Protein backbone atom coordinates (compact mmCIF):
# COMPACT_ATOMS: atom_id res chain seq x y z
CA MET A 1 89.78 85.83 116.62
CA LEU A 2 88.41 86.66 113.16
CA TRP A 3 85.76 84.32 111.71
CA THR A 4 85.21 84.15 107.94
CA PRO A 5 82.13 82.07 107.18
CA THR A 6 82.32 81.95 103.37
CA PHE A 7 85.31 79.66 103.12
CA THR A 8 86.01 76.01 103.65
CA GLY A 9 87.85 75.11 106.52
CA MET A 10 91.02 75.70 108.24
CA TRP A 11 92.85 77.69 110.87
CA LEU A 12 95.34 80.14 109.41
CA GLU A 13 98.83 80.05 110.85
CA ASN A 14 98.46 83.06 113.12
CA HIS A 15 95.53 81.31 114.86
CA LEU A 16 93.53 84.52 114.57
CA VAL A 17 91.41 83.44 111.60
CA ILE A 18 89.16 80.44 111.05
CA ASN A 19 87.78 79.85 107.57
CA VAL A 20 84.42 78.07 107.73
CA SER A 21 81.46 77.45 105.44
CA GLY A 22 77.81 76.53 105.87
CA THR A 23 74.33 76.94 104.51
CA VAL A 24 72.60 80.30 104.78
CA ALA A 25 70.30 78.88 107.45
CA GLN A 26 73.27 77.62 109.48
CA LEU A 27 75.06 80.96 109.32
CA GLU A 28 71.92 82.88 110.24
CA SER A 29 71.46 80.62 113.26
CA VAL A 30 75.06 80.77 114.50
CA PHE A 31 75.53 84.51 113.97
CA GLY A 32 72.09 85.75 114.96
CA THR A 33 71.32 87.62 111.75
CA GLN A 34 69.50 87.26 108.45
CA ILE A 35 71.20 87.12 105.07
CA HIS A 36 69.27 88.59 102.14
CA GLN A 37 69.94 89.02 98.45
CA PHE A 38 69.91 92.54 96.97
CA ARG A 39 69.88 93.98 93.47
CA ASP A 40 71.47 97.33 92.57
CA ASP A 41 70.35 99.86 89.97
CA GLN A 42 72.53 98.15 87.35
CA GLY A 43 70.91 94.77 87.87
CA ASN A 44 73.78 93.20 89.81
CA THR A 45 72.89 90.95 92.72
CA PHE A 46 74.59 90.88 96.11
CA PHE A 47 74.10 89.06 99.37
CA ALA A 48 74.47 90.71 102.79
CA ASN A 49 73.45 90.28 106.41
CA VAL A 50 70.78 92.83 107.26
CA THR A 51 71.86 93.37 110.89
CA ASP A 52 75.18 93.14 112.69
CA ASP A 53 75.91 89.56 113.57
CA HIS A 54 76.32 88.43 117.16
CA VAL A 55 76.99 85.13 118.88
CA SER A 56 76.23 83.86 122.35
CA GLY A 57 77.77 81.23 124.58
CA PRO A 58 81.49 80.45 124.99
CA LEU A 59 82.36 81.56 121.45
CA ALA A 60 81.33 85.13 122.26
CA ASN A 61 84.36 85.49 124.57
CA PHE A 62 86.80 84.84 121.73
CA LEU A 63 85.22 86.17 118.56
CA VAL A 64 86.33 89.69 117.59
CA GLY A 65 84.21 89.83 114.46
CA THR A 66 83.20 88.15 111.23
CA THR A 67 83.79 88.98 107.62
CA GLY A 68 82.52 87.50 104.38
CA MET A 69 78.73 87.65 104.75
CA ASP A 70 78.37 91.05 103.06
CA GLN A 71 79.08 91.89 99.41
CA LEU A 72 77.46 95.33 99.45
CA ALA A 73 80.53 97.29 100.55
CA ALA A 74 82.96 95.69 98.11
CA PRO A 75 86.16 97.75 97.84
CA LYS A 76 86.77 99.51 94.54
CA PRO A 77 90.08 100.45 92.92
CA ASN A 78 91.10 104.10 93.34
CA LEU A 79 92.34 104.95 89.85
CA VAL A 80 91.12 107.48 87.30
CA ARG A 81 92.26 108.58 83.86
CA SER A 82 92.26 111.95 82.18
CA GLY A 83 90.92 112.21 78.66
CA THR A 84 87.41 110.78 78.97
CA GLN A 85 84.18 112.40 80.09
CA SER A 86 80.59 111.39 79.40
CA GLY A 87 81.76 108.70 77.00
CA GLU A 88 83.96 110.89 74.77
CA THR A 89 87.63 111.81 74.64
CA VAL A 90 88.40 115.23 76.12
CA THR A 91 91.74 116.95 75.59
CA LEU A 92 93.21 120.37 76.21
CA SER A 93 91.41 122.77 73.90
CA SER A 94 93.41 124.23 71.02
CA SER A 95 90.70 126.79 70.22
CA ARG A 96 90.51 128.40 73.65
CA LYS A 97 93.11 129.67 76.08
CA SER A 98 93.63 126.68 78.33
CA GLY A 99 96.13 128.01 80.81
CA SER A 100 99.80 127.02 80.82
CA THR A 101 100.54 123.31 81.16
CA SER A 102 104.26 123.54 80.43
CA ASP A 103 105.12 122.81 84.05
CA PHE A 104 102.86 119.76 84.42
CA TYR A 105 104.68 116.56 85.39
CA ASP A 106 105.14 114.59 82.15
CA GLY A 107 104.27 111.07 83.37
CA SER A 108 107.71 109.50 82.99
CA SER A 109 109.70 107.50 85.53
CA GLN A 110 112.74 109.68 84.95
CA GLN A 111 110.92 112.89 85.85
CA ILE A 112 109.19 111.49 88.95
CA GLN A 113 112.56 110.30 90.24
CA GLN A 114 113.94 113.80 89.75
CA ALA A 115 110.95 115.76 91.01
CA TYR A 116 110.62 113.89 94.31
CA ASP A 117 114.41 113.70 94.86
CA TYR A 118 115.05 109.96 94.55
CA LEU A 119 118.42 110.34 92.82
CA PRO A 120 120.56 111.02 95.94
CA VAL A 121 119.16 107.81 97.45
CA TYR A 122 120.11 105.76 94.40
CA ALA A 123 123.58 107.34 94.46
CA GLN A 124 124.09 105.71 97.88
CA GLY A 125 123.32 102.27 96.42
CA ILE A 126 119.82 102.24 97.91
CA ASP A 127 117.32 100.98 95.31
CA GLY A 128 115.14 98.54 97.26
CA SER A 129 117.47 95.56 96.90
CA GLY A 130 116.75 92.84 99.43
CA GLN A 131 113.23 94.19 100.03
CA THR A 132 109.83 92.89 98.93
CA ILE A 133 106.85 95.11 98.15
CA ALA A 134 103.58 93.19 98.41
CA ILE A 135 100.63 94.39 96.33
CA VAL A 136 97.17 92.92 96.95
CA ASP A 137 94.65 93.28 94.11
CA ALA A 138 91.52 91.49 92.97
CA TYR A 139 91.52 89.41 89.77
CA GLY A 140 95.02 90.48 88.70
CA SER A 141 95.94 91.01 85.06
CA PRO A 142 96.66 88.28 82.48
CA THR A 143 99.22 90.54 80.79
CA ILE A 144 101.06 91.88 83.84
CA GLN A 145 104.40 90.16 83.16
CA GLN A 146 104.61 91.45 79.59
CA ASP A 147 103.19 94.86 80.52
CA LEU A 148 105.90 95.34 83.14
CA GLU A 149 108.58 94.37 80.62
CA THR A 150 107.19 96.84 78.06
CA PHE A 151 106.95 99.52 80.75
CA ARG A 152 110.64 99.07 81.54
CA GLU A 153 111.59 99.21 77.86
CA THR A 154 109.57 102.37 77.14
CA VAL A 155 108.28 104.53 80.00
CA GLU A 156 111.29 103.83 82.23
CA GLN A 157 113.92 104.60 79.60
CA GLY A 158 116.33 107.23 80.90
CA ALA A 159 115.33 106.55 84.48
CA TYR A 160 117.54 105.01 87.13
CA GLY A 161 117.12 101.23 87.30
CA ALA A 162 115.63 100.71 83.84
CA ASP A 163 118.38 98.17 83.15
CA LYS A 164 117.82 96.15 86.32
CA PRO A 165 116.29 92.66 86.06
CA LEU A 166 112.61 92.43 86.88
CA GLN A 167 111.61 90.60 90.05
CA LEU A 168 107.87 89.92 89.92
CA GLU A 169 106.18 86.98 91.60
CA VAL A 170 102.44 86.45 91.15
CA VAL A 171 100.50 84.28 93.61
CA THR A 172 96.89 83.61 94.58
CA ALA A 173 96.34 83.79 98.31
CA PRO A 174 95.54 80.36 99.80
CA GLY A 175 92.09 79.98 101.30
CA THR A 176 90.38 82.51 99.03
CA ASN A 177 87.00 81.72 97.54
CA VAL A 178 87.09 80.96 93.82
CA MET A 179 83.33 80.26 93.86
CA ALA A 180 82.70 83.91 94.67
CA GLN A 181 83.67 84.79 91.10
CA LYS A 182 80.21 83.63 90.07
CA ASN A 183 78.77 86.94 91.26
CA PRO A 184 78.13 88.83 87.97
CA ALA A 185 78.90 92.17 89.57
CA GLN A 186 82.39 90.96 90.42
CA ALA A 187 83.02 89.53 86.95
CA ALA A 188 82.13 92.92 85.44
CA ASN A 189 84.76 94.58 87.66
CA ALA A 190 87.65 92.37 86.55
CA SER A 191 88.79 94.56 83.65
CA GLY A 192 89.04 97.64 85.89
CA TRP A 193 91.12 95.70 88.37
CA ALA A 194 93.51 94.65 85.58
CA GLY A 195 94.32 98.33 85.09
CA GLU A 196 94.76 98.75 88.82
CA THR A 197 97.15 95.81 88.89
CA SER A 198 99.27 97.28 86.08
CA MET A 199 99.42 100.67 87.80
CA ASP A 200 100.45 99.27 91.18
CA VAL A 201 103.16 96.95 89.90
CA GLU A 202 104.66 99.34 87.35
CA LEU A 203 104.83 102.38 89.63
CA ALA A 204 106.31 100.43 92.54
CA HIS A 205 109.03 99.19 90.21
CA ALA A 206 109.58 102.65 88.74
CA VAL A 207 110.94 104.11 91.98
CA ALA A 208 112.31 101.01 93.79
CA PRO A 209 113.75 99.11 90.82
CA GLY A 210 115.88 96.79 92.97
CA ALA A 211 112.97 95.49 95.05
CA LYS A 212 111.06 92.28 94.49
CA ILE A 213 107.36 92.77 93.84
CA LEU A 214 104.96 90.16 95.20
CA LEU A 215 101.57 90.48 93.51
CA VAL A 216 98.92 88.71 95.58
CA GLN A 217 95.81 88.14 93.46
CA THR A 218 92.40 87.35 94.90
CA PRO A 219 89.46 85.89 92.95
CA ASN A 220 87.03 88.60 94.03
CA ASN A 221 87.05 92.18 95.29
CA TYR A 222 85.37 91.89 98.67
CA ASN A 223 86.30 89.66 101.62
CA ASP A 224 89.15 87.87 99.86
CA LEU A 225 91.11 91.10 99.48
CA TYR A 226 91.50 91.14 103.25
CA MET A 227 92.38 87.45 103.26
CA GLY A 228 95.11 88.33 100.76
CA VAL A 229 96.46 90.95 103.16
CA ASN A 230 96.25 88.45 106.00
CA TYR A 231 98.24 85.94 103.93
CA VAL A 232 101.10 88.44 103.51
CA VAL A 233 101.05 89.53 107.16
CA ASP A 234 100.58 86.03 108.59
CA ASN A 235 103.58 84.70 106.66
CA ALA A 236 105.71 87.89 106.92
CA LEU A 237 106.19 87.90 103.14
CA ALA A 238 107.01 91.62 102.90
CA ASN A 239 107.86 94.58 105.12
CA GLN A 240 105.67 96.93 103.07
CA ILE A 241 102.25 96.37 101.49
CA SER A 242 100.36 98.55 99.00
CA LEU A 243 96.54 98.61 98.88
CA SER A 244 94.98 100.86 96.22
CA TRP A 245 91.34 100.23 97.04
CA GLY A 246 88.65 100.99 99.58
CA SER A 247 85.00 101.60 100.38
CA VAL A 248 83.10 103.98 102.66
CA ASP A 249 84.13 102.92 106.16
CA THR A 250 80.67 103.09 107.72
CA LEU A 251 79.12 100.92 104.98
CA LEU A 252 81.02 97.98 106.41
CA PRO A 253 79.18 96.19 109.22
CA ALA A 254 80.87 96.94 112.54
CA ALA A 255 81.74 93.28 113.12
CA GLU A 256 83.39 93.06 109.71
CA ARG A 257 85.38 96.24 110.26
CA ARG A 258 86.61 94.96 113.64
CA ALA A 259 87.68 91.70 112.08
CA GLN A 260 89.60 93.31 109.22
CA SER A 261 91.20 95.88 111.52
CA GLN A 262 92.77 93.06 113.49
CA ILE A 263 94.88 92.18 110.44
CA PHE A 264 96.28 95.73 110.28
CA ALA A 265 96.93 95.77 114.02
CA GLN A 266 99.04 92.63 113.63
CA ALA A 267 100.89 94.19 110.69
CA ALA A 268 101.75 97.36 112.65
CA ALA A 269 102.86 95.34 115.67
CA GLU A 270 105.22 93.33 113.47
CA GLY A 271 106.65 96.35 111.63
CA ILE A 272 104.84 95.63 108.37
CA ASN A 273 103.84 99.00 106.94
CA VAL A 274 100.62 99.04 104.94
CA PHE A 275 100.05 101.97 102.57
CA VAL A 276 96.45 102.63 101.50
CA SER A 277 95.04 105.04 98.95
CA SER A 278 92.67 107.57 100.54
CA GLY A 279 90.13 107.55 97.69
CA ASP A 280 89.27 109.52 94.56
CA SER A 281 85.87 110.97 95.46
CA GLY A 282 86.84 113.82 97.75
CA ASP A 283 84.93 113.94 101.03
CA LEU A 284 82.29 111.47 99.69
CA ALA A 285 79.48 113.94 100.48
CA ALA A 286 78.16 113.67 96.91
CA ILE A 287 77.70 109.94 97.47
CA MET A 288 76.79 109.77 101.15
CA GLY A 289 75.09 113.14 101.75
CA SER A 290 77.74 114.25 104.26
CA PRO A 291 81.52 113.85 104.61
CA TYR A 292 83.00 110.39 105.19
CA THR A 293 86.35 108.63 104.80
CA GLU A 294 87.24 105.36 103.13
CA TYR A 295 88.29 102.12 104.77
CA PRO A 296 90.93 100.73 105.12
CA ALA A 297 92.60 104.16 104.74
CA SER A 298 90.88 105.27 107.96
CA ASP A 299 92.35 102.42 109.99
CA PRO A 300 94.86 103.79 112.55
CA ASN A 301 97.33 100.98 111.80
CA VAL A 302 97.90 101.89 108.14
CA VAL A 303 99.55 104.84 106.37
CA ALA A 304 96.82 106.62 104.39
CA VAL A 305 98.03 108.29 101.19
CA GLY A 306 96.29 111.36 99.73
CA GLY A 307 96.87 113.19 96.45
CA THR A 308 98.21 116.31 94.75
CA SER A 309 98.76 117.91 91.36
CA LEU A 310 102.51 118.06 90.65
CA PHE A 311 104.33 120.85 88.80
CA VAL A 312 108.00 120.83 87.82
CA ASN A 313 110.68 123.25 86.71
CA ARG A 314 112.13 123.17 83.20
CA ASP A 315 114.94 120.88 84.33
CA GLY A 316 112.41 118.43 85.81
CA SER A 317 113.07 119.36 89.41
CA TYR A 318 110.32 119.98 91.94
CA LYS A 319 108.43 123.26 91.56
CA SER A 320 105.18 123.10 93.54
CA GLU A 321 102.00 121.15 94.27
CA ILE A 322 98.37 121.84 95.08
CA GLU A 323 95.69 119.54 96.45
CA TRP A 324 94.25 117.18 93.84
CA GLY A 325 90.65 117.90 92.90
CA GLU A 326 88.97 118.81 89.59
CA THR A 327 85.76 120.82 89.47
CA VAL A 328 83.97 121.93 86.29
CA SER A 329 82.74 125.52 86.56
CA GLN A 330 80.73 125.28 83.34
CA ILE A 331 80.24 123.23 80.19
CA ARG A 332 79.71 125.24 76.99
CA HIS A 333 77.97 123.46 74.10
CA PRO A 334 78.62 124.45 70.45
CA ASP A 335 75.03 125.75 70.15
CA GLY A 336 75.78 128.34 72.83
CA THR A 337 73.95 126.69 75.71
CA VAL A 338 75.79 126.56 78.99
CA VAL A 339 75.59 124.10 81.88
CA GLN A 340 76.67 125.89 85.04
CA GLY A 341 78.70 124.18 87.72
CA PRO A 342 80.26 123.54 90.00
CA ILE A 343 80.36 119.88 88.99
CA PHE A 344 82.89 117.87 90.98
CA TRP A 345 84.73 115.27 88.89
CA PHE A 346 87.26 113.64 91.20
CA GLY A 347 89.81 114.39 93.92
CA ALA A 348 91.76 112.97 96.83
CA GLY A 349 89.86 111.44 99.73
CA GLY A 350 90.29 112.53 103.32
CA GLY A 351 88.62 113.89 106.42
CA VAL A 352 87.60 112.55 109.80
CA SER A 353 86.81 108.88 110.39
CA HIS A 354 83.41 108.01 111.82
CA SER A 355 84.72 104.64 113.02
CA PHE A 356 88.18 104.94 114.58
CA ALA A 357 89.48 107.02 117.47
CA LYS A 358 92.45 109.30 116.91
CA PRO A 359 95.71 107.46 117.71
CA SER A 360 98.00 109.02 120.31
CA TRP A 361 100.75 109.73 117.78
CA GLN A 362 98.51 111.83 115.47
CA THR A 363 99.49 115.27 116.70
CA GLY A 364 101.14 118.32 115.19
CA ALA A 365 100.61 121.53 113.28
CA GLY A 366 97.43 121.60 111.23
CA LEU A 367 95.68 118.82 113.14
CA ASP A 368 92.53 119.62 115.09
CA SER A 369 93.62 119.06 118.70
CA THR A 370 89.99 118.87 119.82
CA GLN A 371 89.16 116.12 117.36
CA THR A 372 88.82 112.70 118.99
CA MET A 373 88.62 110.63 115.79
CA ARG A 374 91.26 109.48 113.31
CA GLN A 375 92.11 112.08 110.64
CA VAL A 376 92.95 111.06 107.07
CA PRO A 377 95.33 111.02 105.17
CA ASP A 378 98.81 110.76 106.66
CA VAL A 379 100.92 111.66 103.61
CA GLY A 380 100.46 112.74 99.98
CA TYR A 381 101.82 112.14 96.48
CA ASP A 382 101.00 113.15 92.90
CA ALA A 383 97.60 111.66 91.99
CA ASP A 384 96.04 114.05 89.48
CA PRO A 385 95.47 112.40 86.07
CA TYR A 386 96.24 115.74 84.41
CA THR A 387 99.69 115.64 85.98
CA GLY A 388 99.53 111.85 85.95
CA PHE A 389 101.51 108.80 84.97
CA THR A 390 102.14 106.93 81.73
CA LEU A 391 101.49 103.21 82.11
CA VAL A 392 101.34 100.05 80.01
CA MET A 393 98.04 98.20 80.15
CA ASN A 394 97.21 95.17 78.02
CA GLY A 395 100.24 95.90 75.87
CA GLU A 396 99.25 99.52 75.18
CA ILE A 397 101.17 102.61 76.35
CA GLN A 398 98.60 104.91 77.97
CA PRO A 399 99.32 108.39 79.40
CA GLY A 400 97.21 110.35 81.84
CA TRP A 401 96.61 107.89 84.68
CA GLY A 402 96.03 109.12 88.20
CA GLY A 403 94.14 108.54 91.42
CA THR A 404 95.47 107.88 94.88
CA SER A 405 96.01 104.36 93.54
CA ASP A 406 99.24 105.58 91.98
CA ALA A 407 100.33 107.18 95.26
CA ALA A 408 100.08 104.16 97.57
CA PRO A 409 102.48 101.82 95.69
CA GLN A 410 105.08 104.56 95.34
CA TRP A 411 104.95 105.27 99.06
CA ALA A 412 105.37 101.52 99.66
CA ALA A 413 108.41 101.72 97.40
CA ILE A 414 109.80 104.64 99.43
CA CYS A 415 109.39 102.49 102.53
CA ALA A 416 111.33 99.71 100.80
CA LEU A 417 114.21 102.13 100.18
CA ALA A 418 114.13 103.24 103.82
CA ASN A 419 113.95 99.64 105.01
CA GLN A 420 117.01 98.75 102.96
CA LEU A 421 118.93 101.57 104.66
CA HIS A 422 117.57 100.67 108.11
CA VAL A 423 118.66 97.05 107.71
CA LYS A 424 122.08 98.24 106.56
CA ASN A 425 122.44 100.54 109.58
CA PHE A 426 120.86 98.45 112.34
CA GLY A 427 120.31 94.94 110.98
CA THR A 428 116.54 95.15 111.46
CA PRO A 429 113.59 96.47 109.43
CA LEU A 430 111.62 99.57 110.33
CA PRO A 431 108.80 99.57 112.87
CA TYR A 432 105.40 101.03 112.00
CA ILE A 433 106.41 104.43 110.60
CA ASN A 434 103.43 106.70 111.27
CA PRO A 435 104.61 107.63 114.81
CA ILE A 436 108.02 108.54 113.37
CA LEU A 437 106.53 110.62 110.55
CA TYR A 438 104.28 112.65 112.85
CA ALA A 439 107.02 113.13 115.45
CA ASN A 440 109.21 114.75 112.79
CA GLY A 441 106.46 116.93 111.32
CA GLN A 442 107.15 118.53 107.93
CA ARG A 443 110.94 118.19 108.19
CA ALA A 444 111.18 115.73 105.29
CA PHE A 445 108.08 116.84 103.36
CA HIS A 446 106.91 119.39 100.85
CA ASP A 447 104.22 121.22 102.82
CA VAL A 448 101.43 121.53 100.23
CA VAL A 449 99.10 124.53 100.53
CA HIS A 450 95.95 125.50 98.67
CA GLY A 451 96.14 126.73 95.09
CA THR A 452 94.20 126.51 91.83
CA ARG A 453 94.94 126.20 88.12
CA ASP A 454 92.43 126.63 85.27
CA ILE A 455 92.36 124.49 82.14
CA VAL A 456 89.88 124.15 79.26
CA LEU A 457 89.10 120.73 77.77
CA GLU A 458 87.28 120.03 74.52
CA GLY A 459 85.19 116.97 73.68
CA SER A 460 86.27 115.09 70.54
CA VAL A 461 82.70 114.26 69.51
CA THR A 462 80.41 116.94 70.95
CA HIS A 463 83.08 119.68 70.96
CA ASN A 464 81.74 120.73 74.33
CA LEU A 465 84.15 122.95 76.23
CA TYR A 466 84.79 121.97 79.84
CA TYR A 467 86.12 124.79 82.01
CA VAL A 468 87.98 122.95 84.77
CA THR A 469 89.57 124.27 87.95
CA MET A 470 92.33 122.15 89.46
CA GLY A 471 92.79 122.34 93.23
CA GLU A 472 89.12 122.20 94.25
CA ASP A 473 88.48 119.03 96.25
CA THR A 474 84.96 119.27 97.72
CA SER A 475 85.28 120.46 101.36
CA LEU A 476 88.88 119.25 101.62
CA VAL A 477 91.55 121.97 101.43
CA ALA A 478 95.35 121.91 101.60
CA ALA A 479 96.82 124.18 104.28
CA PRO A 480 100.09 124.71 106.21
CA GLY A 481 101.03 121.71 108.32
CA TRP A 482 98.86 118.61 108.19
CA ASP A 483 95.74 118.86 106.02
CA ASP A 484 92.92 116.58 104.92
CA THR A 485 94.04 116.13 101.29
CA THR A 486 97.82 115.69 101.55
CA GLY A 487 98.40 114.79 105.22
CA LEU A 488 101.85 115.85 106.37
CA GLY A 489 102.77 116.62 102.75
CA THR A 490 104.56 114.96 99.85
CA PRO A 491 108.00 113.39 100.16
CA ASP A 492 111.41 114.80 99.57
CA VAL A 493 112.46 111.17 99.18
CA ALA A 494 116.13 111.71 100.04
CA ARG A 495 115.13 113.31 103.34
CA VAL A 496 112.39 110.77 104.13
CA VAL A 497 114.68 107.82 103.52
CA GLN A 498 117.46 109.32 105.61
CA MET A 499 115.07 110.18 108.44
CA LEU A 500 113.51 106.71 108.55
CA GLY A 501 116.64 104.76 107.72
CA ASN A 502 118.61 106.40 110.53
CA THR A 503 115.92 106.17 113.23
CA GLN A 504 116.71 103.33 115.61
């Protein structure tokens, strides 16, 4: 049983969740904790319980955990954009040798379909038809319907499926807490989540153009995100879910993490595959002081998606990839002064969970056989903003978007393609796919190994020169077999869909 004390009351249909409300004093009494208000360094206020909650009496035999008393570990969207640094626009320098970028992925739907080998799947009539991809995001975007239409008319032109009718349904999950929007910190986040919403919806449609997209909006970016996931799982609204957000897994109170994990356990048991971005801050050591992973990517009942930098041949076909991570070796100012690095900008999340044991199916080349904890991620996909995607946000066409946020919805779309084939072959949807993926190793994947590329960026205002090395992701390094930035590797989609779609 999962108990959520910030909401007003009802059992949800799976009888695993009770939404309740009460005064602070009542909650402190029932759950054996204290709830305090906190202020961060930006002046935003949050409430949180200061110790793990616990209950006594008969209820203790049934309560797995609680969620909703803590706003400190609010999930954040995992998206980044190239072209800005320290408040100014930065672009490839024309005055200094910047390294070749002629083989960088160009951001279009047409080229991503070609590079990752989607076209043979479409040729078989598999485009996601009959499938629903659920996307759960906070706040949503007021322009998402029009942005998706503009995306199809511009960025998708020349790609397979650009002429297919759009199937987008937008809902607000029942039982979520509209009053929580009053938190000023959450209101300030809404504009960033609008960009996340556009990215998730547009990129899912770009590679599974026949699928319906169900956008589940929540009125805040903490507890209600998980209630949005529960709404999809509880009502079996989709066979694949994309979540492009997370927070450091150990920042969540243990009771809250147990409660939320129960939702993903139900999803896996019912064959609902949840794809989660692994994060954009590398191993998180710069934030936490030592390596950590993000939650819910670290949950053993989801498919965690890491990131790469994607390079293509002249005809748009796949050439190679390296792990996604950008590090600045030095910044040269016009007056001749130099700031020495390394300064880590961003990169794919991954590593070893501090919270979850390694599942039995997580075995194979590259994995540490002596490790007893869950290792992240499971798979990879292009996530580097410098080899990133062109999107439409608030009516504006914007190139250079990346982050593992763009990887999760496209993996959910791949699952939709495989589910369509599986239903065609066997009449039933796929089970939880991670055991299948690990059992087959790299057979359907591009096995990404370590590499670097150097580029030079120039600030539009300061004219600072940023000497950037791609392929440096904190302590995380791509290697043969499984690795902690790209997992098993990136998809050869035709092979992945055939492997999954033909596994009974």
